[in-house]
Amino acid sequence: GILSLLKEAILAGGLKAKIGALLLKPA
């Protein structure tokens, strides 16, 4: 559930969220 929620939040967060997710990809 936590992994699914993170994915949903990133997809719904717009461009900034996606860029942040890209930077946090290793984490």
PDB file of all heavy atoms in Angstrom:
ATOM      1  N   GLY A   1       0.807  -1.219   0.000  1.00  0.00           N
ATOM      2  CA  GLY A   1       0.000   0.000   0.000  1.00  0.00           C
ATOM      3  C   GLY A   1       0.838   1.266   0.000  1.00  0.00           C
ATOM      4  O   GLY A   1       0.519   2.238  -0.696  1.00  0.00           O
ATOM      5  N   ILE A   2       1.918   1.265   0.762  1.00  0.00           N
ATOM      6  CA  ILE A   2       2.792   2.444   0.825  1.00  0.00           C
ATOM      7  C   ILE A   2       3.411   2.731  -0.536  1.00  0.00           C
ATOM      8  O   ILE A   2       3.444   3.882  -0.996  1.00  0.00           O
ATOM      9  CB  ILE A   2       3.889   2.236   1.890  1.00  0.00           C
ATOM     10  CG1 ILE A   2       3.281   2.311   3.291  1.00  0.00           C
ATOM     11  CG2 ILE A   2       4.994   3.287   1.747  1.00  0.00           C
ATOM     12  CD1 ILE A   2       4.233   1.951   4.400  1.00  0.00           C
ATOM     13  N   LEU A   3       3.879   1.703  -1.209  1.00  0.00           N
ATOM     14  CA  LEU A   3       4.482   1.879  -2.531  1.00  0.00           C
ATOM     15  C   LEU A   3       3.450   2.383  -3.539  1.00  0.00           C
ATOM     16  O   LEU A   3       3.752   3.244  -4.383  1.00  0.00           O
ATOM     17  CB  LEU A   3       5.092   0.558  -3.008  1.00  0.00           C
ATOM     18  CG  LEU A   3       6.322   0.073  -2.220  1.00  0.00           C
ATOM     19  CD1 LEU A   3       6.740  -1.314  -2.698  1.00  0.00           C
ATOM     20  CD2 LEU A   3       7.476   1.045  -2.370  1.00  0.00           C
ATOM     21  N   SER A   4       2.216   1.883  -3.436  1.00  0.00           N
ATOM     22  CA  SER A   4       1.145   2.337  -4.342  1.00  0.00           C
ATOM     23  C   SER A   4       0.782   3.794  -4.087  1.00  0.00           C
ATOM     24  O   SER A   4       0.568   4.567  -5.023  1.00  0.00           O
ATOM     25  CB  SER A   4      -0.099   1.455  -4.166  1.00  0.00           C
ATOM     26  OG  SER A   4       0.161   0.133  -4.562  1.00  0.00           O
ATOM     27  N   LEU A   5       0.731   4.170  -2.784  1.00  0.00           N
ATOM     28  CA  LEU A   5       0.422   5.553  -2.441  1.00  0.00           C
ATOM     29  C   LEU A   5       1.501   6.517  -2.936  1.00  0.00           C
ATOM     30  O   LEU A   5       1.196   7.612  -3.419  1.00  0.00           O
ATOM     31  CB  LEU A   5       0.271   5.688  -0.924  1.00  0.00           C
ATOM     32  CG  LEU A   5      -1.032   5.152  -0.310  1.00  0.00           C
ATOM     33  CD1 LEU A   5      -0.942   5.164   1.207  1.00  0.00           C
ATOM     34  CD2 LEU A   5      -2.228   5.982  -0.774  1.00  0.00           C
ATOM     35  N   LEU A   6       2.744   6.123  -2.829  1.00  0.00           N
ATOM     36  CA  LEU A   6       3.841   6.947  -3.326  1.00  0.00           C
ATOM     37  C   LEU A   6       3.716   7.159  -4.836  1.00  0.00           C
ATOM     38  O   LEU A   6       3.882   8.281  -5.339  1.00  0.00           O
ATOM     39  CB  LEU A   6       5.184   6.274  -3.010  1.00  0.00           C
ATOM     40  CG  LEU A   6       5.729   6.451  -1.593  1.00  0.00           C
ATOM     41  CD1 LEU A   6       6.954   5.574  -1.387  1.00  0.00           C
ATOM     42  CD2 LEU A   6       6.096   7.913  -1.338  1.00  0.00           C
ATOM     43  N   LYS A   7       3.403   6.087  -5.544  1.00  0.00           N
ATOM     44  CA  LYS A   7       3.260   6.173  -7.000  1.00  0.00           C
ATOM     45  C   LYS A   7       2.106   7.100  -7.375  1.00  0.00           C
ATOM     46  O   LYS A   7       2.221   7.940  -8.274  1.00  0.00           O
ATOM     47  CB  LYS A   7       3.031   4.778  -7.576  1.00  0.00           C
ATOM     48  CG  LYS A   7       3.035   4.728  -9.101  1.00  0.00           C
ATOM     49  CD  LYS A   7       2.906   3.295  -9.598  1.00  0.00           C
ATOM     50  CE  LYS A   7       2.907   3.261 -11.122  1.00  0.00           C
ATOM     51  NZ  LYS A   7       2.800   1.872 -11.645  1.00  0.00           N
ATOM     52  N   GLU A   8       0.978   6.954  -6.679  1.00  0.00           N
ATOM     53  CA  GLU A   8      -0.191   7.797  -6.944  1.00  0.00           C
ATOM     54  C   GLU A   8       0.120   9.270  -6.687  1.00  0.00           C
ATOM     55  O   GLU A   8      -0.250  10.156  -7.468  1.00  0.00           O
ATOM     56  CB  GLU A   8      -1.370   7.361  -6.064  1.00  0.00           C
ATOM     57  CG  GLU A   8      -2.086   6.117  -6.563  1.00  0.00           C
ATOM     58  CD  GLU A   8      -3.270   5.759  -5.679  1.00  0.00           C
ATOM     59  OE1 GLU A   8      -3.815   6.671  -5.012  1.00  0.00           O
ATOM     60  OE2 GLU A   8      -3.639   4.580  -5.653  1.00  0.00           O
ATOM     61  N   ALA A   9       0.800   9.545  -5.559  1.00  0.00           N
ATOM     62  CA  ALA A   9       1.135  10.924  -5.192  1.00  0.00           C
ATOM     63  C   ALA A   9       2.053  11.560  -6.237  1.00  0.00           C
ATOM     64  O   ALA A   9       1.904  12.747  -6.575  1.00  0.00           O
ATOM     65  CB  ALA A   9       1.791  10.947  -3.818  1.00  0.00           C
ATOM     66  N   ILE A  10       2.988  10.795  -6.749  1.00  0.00           N
ATOM     67  CA  ILE A  10       3.913  11.311  -7.763  1.00  0.00           C
ATOM     68  C   ILE A  10       3.181  11.629  -9.062  1.00  0.00           C
ATOM     69  O   ILE A  10       3.360  12.689  -9.663  1.00  0.00           O
ATOM     70  CB  ILE A  10       5.051  10.293  -8.003  1.00  0.00           C
ATOM     71  CG1 ILE A  10       5.966  10.228  -6.779  1.00  0.00           C
ATOM     72  CG2 ILE A  10       5.869  10.680  -9.245  1.00  0.00           C
ATOM     73  CD1 ILE A  10       6.908   9.049  -6.786  1.00  0.00           C
ATOM     74  N   LEU A  11       2.326  10.709  -9.487  1.00  0.00           N
ATOM     75  CA  LEU A  11       1.585  10.899 -10.745  1.00  0.00           C
ATOM     76  C   LEU A  11       0.614  12.076 -10.660  1.00  0.00           C
ATOM     77  O   LEU A  11       0.364  12.762 -11.660  1.00  0.00           O
ATOM     78  CB  LEU A  11       0.834   9.614 -11.103  1.00  0.00           C
ATOM     79  CG  LEU A  11       1.703   8.412 -11.508  1.00  0.00           C
ATOM     80  CD1 LEU A  11       0.847   7.171 -11.693  1.00  0.00           C
ATOM     81  CD2 LEU A  11       2.491   8.707 -12.777  1.00  0.00           C
ATOM     82  N   ALA A  12       0.065  12.301  -9.440  1.00  0.00           N
ATOM     83  CA  ALA A  12      -0.910  13.386  -9.276  1.00  0.00           C
ATOM     84  C   ALA A  12      -0.247  14.718  -8.924  1.00  0.00           C
ATOM     85  O   ALA A  12      -0.909  15.757  -8.883  1.00  0.00           O
ATOM     86  CB  ALA A  12      -1.911  13.008  -8.177  1.00  0.00           C
ATOM     87  N   GLY A  13       1.053  14.714  -8.692  1.00  0.00           N
ATOM     88  CA  GLY A  13       1.733  15.913  -8.213  1.00  0.00           C
ATOM     89  C   GLY A  13       2.276  16.837  -9.281  1.00  0.00           C
ATOM     90  O   GLY A  13       2.905  17.849  -8.957  1.00  0.00           O
ATOM     91  N   GLY A  14       2.076  16.479 -10.534  1.00  0.00           N
ATOM     92  CA  GLY A  14       2.544  17.342 -11.619  1.00  0.00           C
ATOM     93  C   GLY A  14       4.020  17.188 -11.921  1.00  0.00           C
ATOM     94  O   GLY A  14       4.695  16.263 -11.455  1.00  0.00           O
ATOM     95  N   LEU A  15       4.524  18.134 -12.683  1.00  0.00           N
ATOM     96  CA  LEU A  15       5.902  18.076 -13.171  1.00  0.00           C
ATOM     97  C   LEU A  15       6.932  18.093 -12.044  1.00  0.00           C
ATOM     98  O   LEU A  15       7.920  17.353 -12.068  1.00  0.00           O
ATOM     99  CB  LEU A  15       6.160  19.250 -14.129  1.00  0.00           C
ATOM    100  CG  LEU A  15       7.550  19.300 -14.772  1.00  0.00           C
ATOM    101  CD1 LEU A  15       7.803  18.041 -15.595  1.00  0.00           C
ATOM    102  CD2 LEU A  15       7.685  20.550 -15.631  1.00  0.00           C
ATOM    103  N   LYS A  16       6.715  18.973 -11.034  1.00  0.00           N
ATOM    104  CA  LYS A  16       7.675  19.073  -9.938  1.00  0.00           C
ATOM    105  C   LYS A  16       7.807  17.744  -9.180  1.00  0.00           C
ATOM    106  O   LYS A  16       8.904  17.337  -8.802  1.00  0.00           O
ATOM    107  CB  LYS A  16       7.258  20.180  -8.974  1.00  0.00           C
ATOM    108  CG  LYS A  16       7.466  21.591  -9.521  1.00  0.00           C
ATOM    109  CD  LYS A  16       7.104  22.628  -8.464  1.00  0.00           C
ATOM    110  CE  LYS A  16       7.340  24.049  -8.993  1.00  0.00           C
ATOM    111  NZ  LYS A  16       7.006  25.085  -7.981  1.00  0.00           N
ATOM    112  N   ALA A  17       6.663  17.108  -8.964  1.00  0.00           N
ATOM    113  CA  ALA A  17       6.673  15.830  -8.250  1.00  0.00           C
ATOM    114  C   ALA A  17       7.425  14.766  -9.046  1.00  0.00           C
ATOM    115  O   ALA A  17       8.175  13.952  -8.486  1.00  0.00           O
ATOM    116  CB  ALA A  17       5.248  15.358  -7.976  1.00  0.00           C
ATOM    117  N   LYS A  18       7.226  14.780 -10.372  1.00  0.00           N
ATOM    118  CA  LYS A  18       7.898  13.790 -11.228  1.00  0.00           C
ATOM    119  C   LYS A  18       9.413  14.017 -11.276  1.00  0.00           C
ATOM    120  O   LYS A  18      10.196  13.072 -11.282  1.00  0.00           O
ATOM    121  CB  LYS A  18       7.305  13.821 -12.624  1.00  0.00           C
ATOM    122  CG  LYS A  18       5.875  13.290 -12.666  1.00  0.00           C
ATOM    123  CD  LYS A  18       5.235  13.446 -14.035  1.00  0.00           C
ATOM    124  CE  LYS A  18       3.778  12.965 -14.002  1.00  0.00           C
ATOM    125  NZ  LYS A  18       3.085  13.178 -15.288  1.00  0.00           N
ATOM    126  N   ILE A  19       9.807  15.288 -11.300  1.00  0.00           N
ATOM    127  CA  ILE A  19      11.241  15.605 -11.281  1.00  0.00           C
ATOM    128  C   ILE A  19      11.847  15.173  -9.936  1.00  0.00           C
ATOM    129  O   ILE A  19      12.935  14.594  -9.883  1.00  0.00           O
ATOM    130  CB  ILE A  19      11.481  17.114 -11.516  1.00  0.00           C
ATOM    131  CG1 ILE A  19      11.079  17.485 -12.950  1.00  0.00           C
ATOM    132  CG2 ILE A  19      12.948  17.475 -11.267  1.00  0.00           C
ATOM    133  CD1 ILE A  19      11.096  18.971 -13.226  1.00  0.00           C
ATOM    134  N   GLY A  20      11.106  15.451  -8.856  1.00  0.00           N
ATOM    135  CA  GLY A  20      11.562  15.042  -7.531  1.00  0.00           C
ATOM    136  C   GLY A  20      11.684  13.528  -7.425  1.00  0.00           C
ATOM    137  O   GLY A  20      12.639  13.001  -6.848  1.00  0.00           O
ATOM    138  N   ALA A  21      10.708  12.818  -8.012  1.00  0.00           N
ATOM    139  CA  ALA A  21      10.731  11.353  -7.991  1.00  0.00           C
ATOM    140  C   ALA A  21      11.937  10.812  -8.757  1.00  0.00           C
ATOM    141  O   ALA A  21      12.566   9.826  -8.351  1.00  0.00           O
ATOM    142  CB  ALA A  21       9.449  10.807  -8.588  1.00  0.00           C
ATOM    143  N   LEU A  22      12.260  11.498  -9.866  1.00  0.00           N
ATOM    144  CA  LEU A  22      13.417  11.081 -10.661  1.00  0.00           C
ATOM    145  C   LEU A  22      14.700  11.217  -9.850  1.00  0.00           C
ATOM    146  O   LEU A  22      15.571  10.338  -9.879  1.00  0.00           O
ATOM    147  CB  LEU A  22      13.505  11.933 -11.934  1.00  0.00           C
ATOM    148  CG  LEU A  22      14.568  11.513 -12.959  1.00  0.00           C
ATOM    149  CD1 LEU A  22      14.276  10.112 -13.478  1.00  0.00           C
ATOM    150  CD2 LEU A  22      14.605  12.503 -14.114  1.00  0.00           C
ATOM    151  N   LEU A  23      14.805  12.313  -9.100  1.00  0.00           N
ATOM    152  CA  LEU A  23      15.983  12.531  -8.259  1.00  0.00           C
ATOM    153  C   LEU A  23      16.050  11.532  -7.100  1.00  0.00           C
ATOM    154  O   LEU A  23      17.139  11.164  -6.640  1.00  0.00           O
ATOM    155  CB  LEU A  23      15.977  13.963  -7.705  1.00  0.00           C
ATOM    156  CG  LEU A  23      16.126  15.099  -8.744  1.00  0.00           C
ATOM    157  CD1 LEU A  23      15.908  16.451  -8.087  1.00  0.00           C
ATOM    158  CD2 LEU A  23      17.509  15.042  -9.400  1.00  0.00           C
ATOM    159  N   LEU A  24      14.851  11.129  -6.644  1.00  0.00           N
ATOM    160  CA  LEU A  24      14.785  10.193  -5.516  1.00  0.00           C
ATOM    161  C   LEU A  24      14.719   8.725  -5.949  1.00  0.00           C
ATOM    162  O   LEU A  24      14.541   7.838  -5.108  1.00  0.00           O
ATOM    163  CB  LEU A  24      13.555  10.513  -4.659  1.00  0.00           C
ATOM    164  CG  LEU A  24      13.623  11.788  -3.808  1.00  0.00           C
ATOM    165  CD1 LEU A  24      12.255  12.099  -3.224  1.00  0.00           C
ATOM    166  CD2 LEU A  24      14.653  11.642  -2.698  1.00  0.00           C
ATOM    167  N   LYS A  25      14.861   8.481  -7.229  1.00  0.00           N
ATOM    168  CA  LYS A  25      14.736   7.119  -7.760  1.00  0.00           C
ATOM    169  C   LYS A  25      15.650   6.119  -7.052  1.00  0.00           C
ATOM    170  O   LYS A  25      15.214   5.011  -6.703  1.00  0.00           O
ATOM    171  CB  LYS A  25      15.015   7.109  -9.260  1.00  0.00           C
ATOM    172  CG  LYS A  25      14.640   5.793  -9.942  1.00  0.00           C
ATOM    173  CD  LYS A  25      14.789   5.902 -11.447  1.00  0.00           C
ATOM    174  CE  LYS A  25      14.385   4.593 -12.120  1.00  0.00           C
ATOM    175  NZ  LYS A  25      14.524   4.680 -13.600  1.00  0.00           N
ATOM    176  N   PRO A  26      16.927   6.443  -6.796  1.00  0.00           N
ATOM    177  CA  PRO A  26      17.788   5.493  -6.064  1.00  0.00           C
ATOM    178  C   PRO A  26      17.256   5.168  -4.662  1.00  0.00           C
ATOM    179  O   PRO A  26      17.335   4.022  -4.217  1.00  0.00           O
ATOM    180  CB  PRO A  26      19.129   6.232  -5.978  1.00  0.00           C
ATOM    181  CG  PRO A  26      19.113   7.173  -7.130  1.00  0.00           C
ATOM    182  CD  PRO A  26      17.693   7.626  -7.235  1.00  0.00           C
ATOM    183  N   ALA A  27      16.684   6.194  -3.998  1.00  0.00           N
ATOM    184  CA  ALA A  27      16.134   5.974  -2.653  1.00  0.00           C
ATOM    185  C   ALA A  27      14.904   5.074  -2.709  1.00  0.00           C
ATOM    186  O   ALA A  27      14.716   4.201  -1.846  1.00  0.00           O
ATOM    187  CB  ALA A  27      15.770   7.315  -2.011  1.00  0.00           C
TER     188      ALA A  27
END
